[in-house]
Amino acid sequence: MTTASLAIIVLWITKHRSGVVLNMTTAEWISRVHQAGSVVITVARHKTGDKEPATVVVEQETEELLAR
């Protein structure tokens, strides 16, 4: 239940399709980058991932929830 809620929060904030959050790997999460109070996660595998990876940007508060 909590995992689904966090996925919905990330989708709502970032306006990405569900495949971006569902296909985010542990390696992509570990290689996230902190920039100016935000966290940038690059997700390669999603609907149009063959053209360009998706960039997910969330605030540090959301990152803390995801890190749990």
N, C-alpha and C. Protein backbone atom coordinates (compact mmCIF):
# COMPACT_ATOMS: atom_id res chain seq x y z
N MET A 1 0.82 -1.18 0.00
CA MET A 1 0.00 0.00 0.00
C MET A 1 0.87 1.25 0.00
N THR A 2 1.88 1.30 0.85
CA THR A 2 2.76 2.46 0.91
C THR A 2 3.53 2.65 -0.38
N THR A 3 4.03 1.57 -0.95
CA THR A 3 4.79 1.65 -2.19
C THR A 3 3.94 2.23 -3.30
N ALA A 4 2.70 1.78 -3.42
CA ALA A 4 1.80 2.29 -4.44
C ALA A 4 1.52 3.78 -4.21
N SER A 5 1.34 4.17 -2.97
CA SER A 5 1.08 5.58 -2.66
C SER A 5 2.26 6.45 -3.04
N LEU A 6 3.48 6.00 -2.76
CA LEU A 6 4.66 6.77 -3.13
C LEU A 6 4.80 6.88 -4.64
N ALA A 7 4.50 5.81 -5.35
CA ALA A 7 4.57 5.85 -6.81
C ALA A 7 3.57 6.87 -7.35
N ILE A 8 2.39 6.91 -6.79
CA ILE A 8 1.38 7.88 -7.24
C ILE A 8 1.82 9.30 -6.93
N ILE A 9 2.43 9.51 -5.77
CA ILE A 9 2.93 10.85 -5.42
C ILE A 9 3.98 11.29 -6.43
N VAL A 10 4.92 10.42 -6.76
CA VAL A 10 5.97 10.77 -7.73
C VAL A 10 5.35 11.04 -9.10
N LEU A 11 4.40 10.24 -9.52
CA LEU A 11 3.73 10.47 -10.80
C LEU A 11 2.99 11.80 -10.80
N TRP A 12 2.32 12.11 -9.73
CA TRP A 12 1.56 13.36 -9.63
C TRP A 12 2.50 14.57 -9.69
N ILE A 13 3.61 14.50 -8.98
CA ILE A 13 4.55 15.62 -8.93
C ILE A 13 5.27 15.80 -10.26
N THR A 14 5.71 14.72 -10.87
CA THR A 14 6.57 14.81 -12.05
C THR A 14 5.80 14.80 -13.37
N LYS A 15 4.53 14.40 -13.35
CA LYS A 15 3.69 14.34 -14.56
C LYS A 15 4.18 13.33 -15.59
N HIS A 16 4.91 12.30 -15.14
CA HIS A 16 5.37 11.24 -16.03
C HIS A 16 4.30 10.16 -16.15
N ARG A 17 4.45 9.31 -17.14
CA ARG A 17 3.59 8.14 -17.27
C ARG A 17 4.01 7.10 -16.23
N SER A 18 3.12 6.17 -15.95
CA SER A 18 3.37 5.19 -14.90
C SER A 18 4.58 4.31 -15.18
N GLY A 19 4.90 4.04 -16.45
CA GLY A 19 6.03 3.19 -16.79
C GLY A 19 7.36 3.73 -16.31
N VAL A 20 7.46 5.04 -16.19
CA VAL A 20 8.72 5.63 -15.72
C VAL A 20 8.99 5.21 -14.27
N VAL A 21 7.99 5.31 -13.43
CA VAL A 21 8.17 4.95 -12.01
C VAL A 21 8.23 3.44 -11.85
N LEU A 22 7.39 2.72 -12.57
CA LEU A 22 7.37 1.26 -12.44
C LEU A 22 8.67 0.61 -12.90
N ASN A 23 9.33 1.20 -13.89
CA ASN A 23 10.55 0.61 -14.45
C ASN A 23 11.84 1.18 -13.87
N MET A 24 11.74 2.06 -12.87
CA MET A 24 12.93 2.60 -12.23
C MET A 24 13.67 1.46 -11.51
N THR A 25 14.95 1.32 -11.80
CA THR A 25 15.73 0.23 -11.19
C THR A 25 16.46 0.71 -9.95
N THR A 26 16.93 -0.23 -9.18
CA THR A 26 17.72 0.09 -8.00
C THR A 26 19.00 0.82 -8.40
N ALA A 27 19.63 0.40 -9.48
CA ALA A 27 20.85 1.04 -9.95
C ALA A 27 20.59 2.51 -10.32
N GLU A 28 19.45 2.79 -10.95
CA GLU A 28 19.11 4.17 -11.29
C GLU A 28 18.87 5.00 -10.03
N TRP A 29 18.23 4.39 -9.04
CA TRP A 29 17.99 5.08 -7.77
C TRP A 29 19.32 5.40 -7.07
N ILE A 30 20.22 4.43 -7.04
CA ILE A 30 21.52 4.63 -6.39
C ILE A 30 22.34 5.70 -7.09
N SER A 31 22.21 5.81 -8.41
CA SER A 31 23.01 6.78 -9.16
C SER A 31 22.32 8.14 -9.27
N ARG A 32 21.30 8.39 -8.46
CA ARG A 32 20.61 9.69 -8.49
C ARG A 32 21.58 10.82 -8.14
N VAL A 33 21.23 12.02 -8.60
CA VAL A 33 22.10 13.19 -8.43
C VAL A 33 21.35 14.25 -7.62
N HIS A 34 22.05 14.85 -6.66
CA HIS A 34 21.47 15.93 -5.87
C HIS A 34 21.89 17.27 -6.48
N GLN A 35 20.89 18.12 -6.80
CA GLN A 35 21.17 19.42 -7.38
C GLN A 35 20.23 20.46 -6.79
N ALA A 36 20.78 21.47 -6.19
CA ALA A 36 20.02 22.65 -5.72
C ALA A 36 18.75 22.29 -4.95
N GLY A 37 18.85 21.41 -3.99
CA GLY A 37 17.70 21.06 -3.17
C GLY A 37 16.76 20.05 -3.79
N SER A 38 17.06 19.57 -4.98
CA SER A 38 16.24 18.57 -5.65
C SER A 38 17.06 17.32 -5.93
N VAL A 39 16.37 16.27 -6.29
CA VAL A 39 17.02 15.01 -6.62
C VAL A 39 16.63 14.64 -8.05
N VAL A 40 17.62 14.31 -8.87
CA VAL A 40 17.39 13.97 -10.28
C VAL A 40 17.69 12.49 -10.48
N ILE A 41 16.70 11.77 -11.00
CA ILE A 41 16.83 10.34 -11.26
C ILE A 41 16.59 10.14 -12.75
N THR A 42 17.49 9.44 -13.42
CA THR A 42 17.36 9.18 -14.85
C THR A 42 16.89 7.74 -15.04
N VAL A 43 15.75 7.58 -15.71
CA VAL A 43 15.16 6.27 -15.93
C VAL A 43 15.23 5.96 -17.42
N ALA A 44 15.91 4.89 -17.76
CA ALA A 44 16.15 4.56 -19.17
C ALA A 44 15.01 3.75 -19.79
N ARG A 45 14.42 2.84 -19.04
CA ARG A 45 13.43 1.93 -19.63
C ARG A 45 12.01 2.42 -19.34
N HIS A 46 11.35 2.90 -20.36
CA HIS A 46 9.96 3.32 -20.29
C HIS A 46 9.42 3.37 -21.71
N LYS A 47 8.20 3.85 -21.89
CA LYS A 47 7.53 3.77 -23.19
C LYS A 47 8.36 4.33 -24.34
N THR A 48 8.94 5.50 -24.15
CA THR A 48 9.75 6.11 -25.22
C THR A 48 11.23 6.14 -24.84
N GLY A 49 11.64 5.21 -24.00
CA GLY A 49 13.02 5.13 -23.53
C GLY A 49 14.03 4.84 -24.63
N ASP A 50 13.57 4.28 -25.74
CA ASP A 50 14.50 4.03 -26.84
C ASP A 50 14.94 5.33 -27.50
N LYS A 51 14.18 6.40 -27.32
CA LYS A 51 14.53 7.71 -27.89
C LYS A 51 15.30 8.57 -26.90
N GLU A 52 14.84 8.59 -25.67
CA GLU A 52 15.47 9.44 -24.66
C GLU A 52 15.08 8.95 -23.26
N PRO A 53 16.02 8.91 -22.32
CA PRO A 53 15.67 8.51 -20.96
C PRO A 53 14.80 9.58 -20.29
N ALA A 54 14.00 9.16 -19.34
CA ALA A 54 13.16 10.10 -18.59
C ALA A 54 13.95 10.66 -17.42
N THR A 55 13.77 11.93 -17.16
CA THR A 55 14.41 12.59 -16.03
C THR A 55 13.34 12.88 -14.99
N VAL A 56 13.48 12.27 -13.82
CA VAL A 56 12.53 12.45 -12.73
C VAL A 56 13.17 13.38 -11.71
N VAL A 57 12.51 14.49 -11.43
CA VAL A 57 13.04 15.46 -10.47
C VAL A 57 12.05 15.56 -9.32
N VAL A 58 12.53 15.27 -8.11
CA VAL A 58 11.70 15.37 -6.91
C VAL A 58 12.44 16.17 -5.85
N GLU A 59 11.69 16.69 -4.92
CA GLU A 59 12.28 17.42 -3.80
C GLU A 59 12.92 16.44 -2.82
N GLN A 60 13.79 16.94 -1.98
CA GLN A 60 14.49 16.07 -1.03
C GLN A 60 13.53 15.41 -0.04
N GLU A 61 12.42 16.07 0.30
CA GLU A 61 11.44 15.47 1.20
C GLU A 61 10.84 14.21 0.60
N THR A 62 10.57 14.25 -0.70
CA THR A 62 10.04 13.08 -1.38
C THR A 62 11.10 11.99 -1.47
N GLU A 63 12.35 12.38 -1.68
CA GLU A 63 13.45 11.41 -1.71
C GLU A 63 13.53 10.68 -0.37
N GLU A 64 13.38 11.40 0.72
CA GLU A 64 13.45 10.77 2.04
C GLU A 64 12.35 9.72 2.20
N LEU A 65 11.16 10.00 1.68
CA LEU A 65 10.07 9.01 1.74
C LEU A 65 10.41 7.80 0.88
N LEU A 66 10.99 8.03 -0.30
CA LEU A 66 11.34 6.93 -1.19
C LEU A 66 12.51 6.10 -0.64
N ALA A 67 13.38 6.71 0.12
CA ALA A 67 14.56 6.01 0.64
C ALA A 67 14.22 5.03 1.75
N ARG A 68 13.06 5.15 2.33
CA ARG A 68 12.68 4.27 3.45
C ARG A 68 12.55 2.86 3.06
